[in-house]
Amino acid sequence: MTRLILSLICMIGIAGCSSEYIIVTTDGQLLTSEGKPELDRKSGMLEFEDSEGRSQQIPQASVRQLLER
């Protein structure tokens, strides 16, 4: 019983660790990312999943700032 309670607490803690990021572009747009965006060094594109779960890419040169929320 104690193991069950402990494992449930751990699962809840892990599920709550996903961070949201705000990507500020050079033209002033604010894009929301679920989880940390990743840079594809080969293509120079920043890849992220938006708040609706869609995969997005923008050029790294278009990113002014990346903020963890």
Protein backbone atom coordinates (compact mmCIF):
# COMPACT_ATOMS: atom_id res chain seq x y z
CA MET A 1 0.00 0.00 0.00
CA THR A 2 2.85 2.39 0.89
CA ARG A 3 4.59 1.65 -2.41
CA LEU A 4 1.40 2.40 -4.32
CA ILE A 5 1.00 5.78 -2.64
CA LEU A 6 4.67 6.62 -3.15
CA SER A 7 4.57 5.68 -6.84
CA LEU A 8 1.40 7.76 -7.38
CA ILE A 9 3.07 10.79 -5.81
CA CYS A 10 6.12 10.32 -8.04
CA MET A 11 3.97 10.01 -11.17
CA ILE A 12 2.09 13.21 -10.33
CA GLY A 13 5.39 15.01 -9.73
CA ILE A 14 6.84 13.88 -13.05
CA ALA A 15 3.69 14.81 -14.97
CA GLY A 16 3.85 18.36 -13.63
CA CYS A 17 7.44 18.94 -14.78
CA SER A 18 6.64 19.88 -18.36
CA SER A 19 7.51 23.53 -18.83
CA GLU A 20 5.95 26.05 -21.14
CA TYR A 21 8.22 28.37 -23.11
CA ILE A 22 7.53 31.70 -24.79
CA ILE A 23 9.42 32.35 -28.03
CA VAL A 24 9.76 36.04 -28.88
CA THR A 25 10.47 36.60 -32.58
CA THR A 26 12.32 39.49 -34.21
CA ASP A 27 9.03 40.78 -35.66
CA GLY A 28 7.36 40.86 -32.21
CA GLN A 29 5.31 37.65 -32.30
CA LEU A 30 4.91 35.64 -29.09
CA LEU A 31 4.77 31.89 -29.70
CA THR A 32 3.98 29.37 -26.96
CA SER A 33 5.83 26.05 -26.81
CA GLU A 34 4.89 23.00 -24.77
CA GLY A 35 8.27 21.75 -23.56
CA LYS A 36 11.69 23.11 -24.42
CA PRO A 37 12.23 23.91 -28.11
CA GLU A 38 15.12 22.08 -29.80
CA LEU A 39 17.52 23.48 -32.37
CA ASP A 40 18.17 21.42 -35.48
CA ARG A 41 21.77 22.47 -36.14
CA LYS A 42 21.76 21.02 -39.65
CA SER A 43 18.83 23.11 -40.88
CA GLY A 44 19.14 26.02 -38.41
CA MET A 45 15.47 25.69 -37.47
CA LEU A 46 14.04 25.83 -33.96
CA GLU A 47 11.56 22.97 -33.56
CA PHE A 48 8.78 23.02 -30.98
CA GLU A 49 5.28 21.80 -30.23
CA ASP A 50 2.72 24.59 -29.95
CA SER A 51 -0.06 24.83 -27.35
CA GLU A 52 -2.43 22.93 -29.68
CA GLY A 53 0.00 20.00 -30.02
CA ARG A 54 1.15 20.79 -33.58
CA SER A 55 4.81 20.51 -34.54
CA GLN A 56 6.24 23.89 -35.62
CA GLN A 57 9.56 25.17 -36.96
CA ILE A 58 10.98 28.68 -37.25
CA PRO A 59 14.42 29.86 -38.34
CA GLN A 60 16.83 30.41 -35.46
CA ALA A 61 17.65 33.87 -36.88
CA SER A 62 13.99 34.87 -36.30
CA VAL A 63 14.19 34.22 -32.55
CA ARG A 64 14.97 37.22 -30.36
CA GLN A 65 14.38 35.63 -26.96
CA LEU A 66 13.34 32.33 -25.35
CA LEU A 67 11.64 32.56 -21.96
CA GLU A 68 10.68 29.70 -19.63
CA ARG A 69 7.26 30.28 -18.15
